[in-house]
Protein backbone atom coordinates (compact mmCIF):
# COMPACT_ATOMS: atom_id res chain seq x y z
CA MET A 1 -10.07 47.87 5.00
CA GLU A 2 -13.51 46.05 5.10
CA ASP A 3 -12.16 43.80 2.40
CA VAL A 4 -9.13 43.20 4.51
CA PHE A 5 -11.28 42.26 7.54
CA GLU A 6 -13.51 40.02 5.27
CA LYS A 7 -10.42 38.05 4.13
CA LEU A 8 -9.18 37.77 7.81
CA ARG A 9 -12.55 36.66 9.06
CA THR A 10 -12.48 34.01 6.15
CA LEU A 11 -9.02 33.23 7.05
CA GLN A 12 -9.94 32.78 10.69
CA ASP A 13 -12.38 29.97 9.82
CA ILE A 14 -9.64 28.31 7.68
CA LEU A 15 -6.92 28.35 10.21
CA SER A 16 -9.38 27.45 12.92
CA GLN A 17 -10.19 24.31 10.95
CA LYS A 18 -6.64 23.51 10.13
CA ILE A 19 -5.34 23.84 13.50
CA LYS A 20 -7.93 21.44 14.88
CA LEU A 21 -6.95 18.94 12.15
CA GLU A 22 -3.33 19.30 13.01
CA GLN A 23 -4.19 18.84 16.63
CA ALA A 24 -6.34 15.80 15.79
CA ILE A 25 -3.23 14.39 13.55
CA GLN A 26 -0.95 14.46 16.61
CA GLU A 27 -3.68 13.28 19.14
CA ILE A 28 -5.05 10.34 17.42
CA PRO A 29 -2.20 7.98 17.62
CA LYS A 30 -2.22 8.64 21.35
CA ILE A 31 -5.28 6.66 21.52
CA LEU A 32 -3.24 3.57 20.86
CA VAL A 33 -0.88 4.36 23.95
CA ASN A 34 -2.94 2.64 26.47
CA GLN A 35 -3.52 -0.50 24.49
CA GLU A 36 0.12 -0.84 23.62
CA GLU A 37 1.10 -0.17 27.35
CA MET A 38 -1.31 -3.29 28.17
CA LEU A 39 0.12 -5.37 25.43
CA SER A 40 3.65 -4.55 26.77
CA ARG A 41 2.70 -5.72 30.37
CA LEU A 42 1.12 -8.77 29.10
CA LYS A 43 4.14 -9.69 27.32
CA ARG A 44 6.30 -8.98 30.57
CA THR A 45 4.04 -11.14 32.60
CA PHE A 46 4.36 -13.91 30.18
CA ILE A 47 8.28 -13.71 30.11
CA GLU A 48 8.04 -13.75 33.81
CA LYS A 49 5.78 -16.87 33.90
CA ASN A 50 7.74 -18.51 31.36
CA GLN A 51 10.94 -17.98 33.51
CA GLU A 52 9.06 -19.44 36.58
CA TYR A 53 8.11 -22.32 34.35
CA GLU A 54 11.70 -22.97 33.62
CA LYS A 55 12.66 -22.86 37.25
CA ALA A 56 9.86 -25.24 38.23
CA LYS A 57 10.84 -27.63 35.38
CA THR A 58 14.36 -27.55 36.61
CA LEU A 59 13.26 -28.42 40.06
CA GLU A 60 10.77 -31.15 38.84
CA SER A 61 13.80 -32.59 37.06
CA GLU A 62 16.03 -32.81 40.08
CA TYR A 63 13.21 -34.22 42.33
CA ARG A 64 12.61 -36.81 39.76
CA ASN A 65 16.14 -37.99 39.83
CA LEU A 66 16.27 -37.78 43.44
CA LEU A 67 13.22 -40.04 43.83
CA LEU A 68 14.87 -42.63 41.42
CA ASP A 69 18.00 -42.72 43.64
CA ALA A 70 16.02 -43.25 46.74
CA GLU A 71 13.88 -46.11 44.84
CA ARG A 72 17.15 -47.73 43.69
CA SER A 73 18.55 -47.37 47.20
CA ARG A 74 15.55 -49.07 48.67
CA GLU A 75 15.19 -51.94 46.13
CA GLY A 76 19.08 -52.52 46.48
CA ALA A 77 18.66 -52.72 50.43
CA GLU A 78 15.64 -54.85 50.23
CA LYS A 79 17.48 -57.47 47.90
CA ASN A 80 20.37 -57.57 50.23
CA MET A 81 17.97 -58.74 52.84
CA ASP A 82 18.06 -62.26 51.55
CA SER A 83 22.01 -62.44 52.00
CA ILE A 84 22.42 -61.15 55.63
CA SER A 85 23.73 -63.51 58.31
CA THR A 86 23.76 -61.39 61.48
CA GLN A 87 21.41 -59.30 63.40
CA ARG A 88 23.76 -56.35 63.06
CA GLU A 89 23.73 -56.72 59.33
CA TYR A 90 19.74 -56.76 59.46
CA GLU A 91 19.40 -53.84 61.72
CA ALA A 92 21.73 -51.82 59.22
CA LEU A 93 19.83 -52.70 56.04
CA ASP A 94 16.67 -52.22 57.72
CA LYS A 95 17.68 -48.64 58.65
CA GLU A 96 18.79 -48.32 54.97
CA ILE A 97 15.52 -49.31 53.84
CA ARG A 98 13.72 -47.02 56.16
CA ASP A 99 15.84 -43.88 55.42
CA ALA A 100 15.33 -44.54 51.61
CA SER A 101 11.70 -45.02 52.04
CA GLU A 102 11.46 -41.79 53.80
CA ARG A 103 13.42 -39.97 51.40
CA GLU A 104 11.37 -41.64 48.41
CA GLN A 105 8.30 -40.38 50.10
CA GLN A 106 9.50 -36.92 50.59
CA TYR A 107 10.85 -36.66 46.92
CA ARG A 108 7.55 -37.85 45.73
CA LYS A 109 5.74 -35.07 47.50
CA GLU A 110 8.00 -32.50 46.24
CA LEU A 111 7.83 -34.08 42.65
CA GLN A 112 4.09 -33.73 42.71
CA HIS A 113 4.13 -30.31 44.21
CA GLN A 114 6.41 -29.01 41.17
CA GLU A 115 4.22 -31.01 38.67
CA ARG A 116 1.25 -29.04 39.98
CA ILE A 117 2.99 -25.75 39.83
CA LEU A 118 4.30 -26.83 36.20
CA SER A 119 0.60 -27.58 35.27
CA ASP A 120 -0.74 -24.21 36.57
CA LEU A 121 1.99 -22.07 35.02
CA ASN A 122 1.52 -23.91 31.69
CA GLU A 123 -2.19 -23.13 31.75
CA GLN A 124 -1.54 -19.42 32.84
CA MET A 125 0.94 -19.07 29.81
CA LYS A 126 -1.55 -20.63 27.47
CA GLN A 127 -4.13 -18.06 28.51
CA SER A 128 -1.64 -15.37 28.38
CA ALA A 129 -0.47 -16.34 24.91
CA ALA A 130 -4.24 -16.21 23.77
CA ILE A 131 -4.89 -12.98 25.04
CA ILE A 132 -1.59 -11.51 23.66
CA GLU A 133 -2.42 -12.86 20.26
CA GLN A 134 -5.71 -11.19 20.23
CA GLN A 135 -4.36 -7.98 21.62
CA GLU A 136 -2.00 -7.83 18.88
CA GLN A 137 -4.57 -8.41 16.24
CA GLU A 138 -6.97 -5.96 17.68
CA LEU A 139 -4.04 -3.46 17.83
CA ALA A 140 -3.11 -4.12 14.42
CA GLU A 141 -6.51 -3.44 13.22
CA ARG A 142 -6.89 -0.35 15.20
CA ARG A 143 -3.63 1.04 14.00
CA ALA A 144 -4.66 0.44 10.36
CA GLY A 145 -7.90 2.33 10.91
CA ILE A 146 -5.97 5.25 12.69
CA GLU A 147 -3.56 5.37 9.92
CA ALA A 148 -6.39 5.60 7.31
CA GLU A 149 -8.24 8.28 9.50
CA VAL A 150 -4.96 10.52 9.86
CA ALA A 151 -4.24 10.09 6.03
CA GLU A 152 -7.69 11.47 5.44
CA LYS A 153 -7.37 14.29 7.82
CA LYS A 154 -4.10 15.04 6.18
CA VAL A 155 -5.87 15.42 2.93
CA GLN A 156 -8.41 17.83 4.57
CA ALA A 157 -5.55 19.80 5.92
CA GLU A 158 -3.99 19.94 2.55
CA GLN A 159 -7.23 21.18 0.98
CA LEU A 160 -7.53 23.84 3.90
CA LYS A 161 -3.85 25.17 3.11
CA ALA A 162 -4.81 25.46 -0.43
CA ARG A 163 -7.69 27.72 0.63
CA GLU A 164 -5.59 29.52 3.03
CA ASP A 165 -2.91 30.47 0.31
CA ALA A 166 -5.76 31.53 -1.98
CA VAL A 167 -6.97 34.04 0.59
CA LYS A 168 -3.48 35.36 1.92
CA PRO A 169 -2.51 37.44 -1.15
CA GLY A 170 -2.65 41.14 -0.48
CA LEU A 171 -2.50 40.66 3.43
CA ASP A 172 0.52 42.10 5.39
CA GLU A 173 2.77 39.28 6.05
CA GLU A 174 3.80 40.36 9.56
CA ALA A 175 0.07 41.06 10.42
CA LEU A 176 -0.63 37.44 9.08
CA PHE A 177 2.15 35.92 11.13
CA LYS A 178 0.74 37.65 14.48
CA PHE A 179 -3.01 36.63 13.39
CA GLU A 180 -2.14 32.96 12.92
CA ARG A 181 -0.17 32.94 16.45
CA ILE A 182 -3.36 34.77 18.00
CA ILE A 183 -5.73 32.14 16.59
CA ARG A 184 -3.68 29.34 17.79
CA ASN A 185 -3.36 30.84 21.34
CA LYS A 186 -6.90 32.34 21.51
CA MET A 187 -8.89 29.32 20.76
CA GLY A 188 -9.65 30.14 17.16
CA ARG A 189 -10.58 33.63 17.34
CA GLY A 190 -8.09 36.29 15.81
CA ILE A 191 -10.31 38.95 14.95
CA VAL A 192 -13.03 40.54 17.02
CA ALA A 193 -15.33 43.35 17.11
CA ILE A 194 -15.23 46.39 19.53
CA LYS A 195 -18.43 47.74 20.71
CA GLY A 196 -18.88 50.64 22.92
CA GLY A 197 -15.17 50.92 23.37
CA VAL A 198 -14.85 47.18 24.62
CA CYS A 199 -13.11 44.41 23.09
CA MET A 200 -15.44 41.58 22.51
CA GLY A 201 -12.64 39.22 22.78
CA CYS A 202 -11.31 39.97 26.26
CA HIS A 203 -14.06 42.36 27.22
CA MET A 204 -11.77 45.16 28.61
CA ILE A 205 -12.51 48.62 28.04
CA LEU A 206 -10.05 50.18 25.39
CA PRO A 207 -8.42 53.50 25.49
CA VAL A 208 -10.24 56.14 23.60
CA GLN A 209 -7.54 56.47 20.90
CA PHE A 210 -7.89 52.73 20.01
CA ALA A 211 -11.70 53.05 19.76
CA ASN A 212 -11.29 55.95 17.47
CA MET A 213 -8.55 54.21 15.33
CA VAL A 214 -10.68 51.25 14.87
CA ARG A 215 -13.81 53.30 14.24
CA LEU A 216 -12.01 55.01 11.36
CA GLY A 217 -10.80 51.55 9.88
CA GLU A 218 -7.73 53.13 8.22
CA GLU A 219 -5.47 50.32 9.62
CA ILE A 220 -5.17 47.18 11.33
CA VAL A 221 -5.41 47.78 15.15
CA PHE A 222 -4.47 45.22 17.64
CA CYS A 223 -5.99 44.91 21.24
CA PRO A 224 -3.41 46.00 23.55
CA TYR A 225 -4.92 43.56 26.13
CA CYS A 226 -5.52 40.29 24.23
CA SER A 227 -3.63 41.16 20.88
CA ARG A 228 -6.60 40.25 18.66
CA ILE A 229 -7.17 42.20 15.52
CA LEU A 230 -10.22 44.72 15.91
CA PHE A 231 -12.91 45.87 13.86
CA TYR A 232 -15.66 48.33 14.41
CA GLU A 233 -19.23 47.19 14.92
CA GLU A 234 -22.31 48.99 16.03
CA SER A 235 -23.97 48.15 19.19
CA GLU A 236 -27.49 46.25 18.88
CA GLU A 237 -29.16 49.68 19.80
CA GLY A 238 -27.54 51.28 16.56
CA THR A 239 -25.49 53.84 18.92
CA GLU A 240 -22.03 54.61 17.48
CA TYR A 241 -19.31 55.21 20.04
CA PHE A 242 -16.87 57.72 18.51
CA PHE A 243 -14.83 59.84 20.72
CA ASP A 244 -12.64 62.78 19.93
CA ALA A 245 -9.56 62.08 21.63
CA ASP A 246 -8.62 65.82 21.90
CA ASP A 247 -11.94 66.46 23.84
CA ALA A 248 -12.27 63.45 25.84
CA GLY A 249 -8.67 62.85 26.66
CA SER A 250 -6.95 59.19 26.87
CA LEU A 251 -6.89 57.12 30.08
CA ALA A 252 -3.48 58.28 30.88
CA ASP A 253 -4.89 61.97 30.92
CA LEU A 254 -7.41 61.09 33.20
CA ASP A 255 -5.07 59.68 35.53
CA GLU A 256 -2.88 62.79 35.35
CA GLU A 257 -5.66 65.12 36.17
CA GLU A 258 -6.83 63.01 39.07
CA GLU A 259 -3.16 63.07 40.38
CA GLU A 260 -2.96 66.85 40.00
CA ASP A 261 -6.18 67.46 41.77
CA PHE A 262 -5.00 65.13 44.62
CA GLU A 263 -1.88 67.01 44.94
CA GLU A 264 -3.65 70.45 44.90
CA GLU A 265 -5.87 69.06 47.99
CA GLU A 266 -2.85 68.00 49.90
CA GLU A 267 -1.40 71.63 49.36
CA GLU A 268 -4.39 73.04 50.92
CA ASP A 269 -4.27 70.46 53.79
CA ASP A 270 -0.64 71.42 54.45
CA LYS A 271 -1.43 75.33 54.83
CA VAL A 272 -1.50 76.64 58.43
CA PRO A 273 -3.83 79.38 59.30
CA ILE A 274 -2.19 82.56 60.89
CA ASP A 275 -3.72 84.50 63.38
CA TYR A 276 -3.00 88.04 62.66
CA ASP A 277 -4.53 89.32 65.99
CA GLU A 278 -1.70 87.75 67.87
C-alpha cells in the first residue's frame, strides 16, 4: 500500500496544480470585465451626448429661421415707412417694427444659447471619442496578452494531464474519482496522515477501528469526517498509536457502557427502602 500512497501523494501535487491552472484559466478573462463595462458606459454616454447634440442642432436651426423671419419682417416694415401718408399707418408700422425687433432680439439670444450648447457638446463628444479610442486600443492589447497567458496555461495543464495519466495506472478508479473530488473541495489536500488517532486534515479524533485499519495499511481508508484518504504516520516522539479494538472497544461501545451505568444508577434511585419493624 505504500506504493499506492506514494502514487496518491504524487497525484495530489499534480491535481492541485492542474486545478489551480483550470481556475486561473476561468478567472483570467474576468479581469477584462471592468474595463469592458467602463468602455460600454463611455459608448452609452457618447450616444446620449450625440442625441443631445442633434436636438440642440435642430433647435439652433429653428431659431436661425425664426431670426431670419423677424429680420425680414422688421426690414420690410422699415421700407414701408417711406410710403405712409397717415398717422395711423405710421403707428401701425412703428408697432410692427418694434415687435419684429423684440422677436429678433429674443431669437438671437436663443440662437446664441443653442450655439454655445452645440459647441460644448461637440467638445465633450470629441473628448469621449478620444477616450473610447484609447480604451478600445488598451482593451485589445490586454485581451491579446490574456489570450497568450491563457494559451500558455492550457499547455501547462495539458502537460500536467499527461503526468496524471502516467501516475493513474494501477489505482482504483472509484477511489481516484473520490480522491479528485476531495482535492477540489479540500483546498488541494486529498491524502493526510493520522497521528495519535487524530486525522491531520480535520483534526477529529477517529474511532479506534479506523486507527487500526490505517495502521495496518491493507486498504484505502477514508476519514469518516472529512472524507480524505488516511495513511499512518508515527508521531514526532516516535510513539505508535495502535489499539486492539476487542480490548479497547469502539466509540459506540463506550457510549453503550455509559448508558448502561446510567440506567443502573436510575434503578437504584427508584428503589424504595422498606421498614420491616413496621
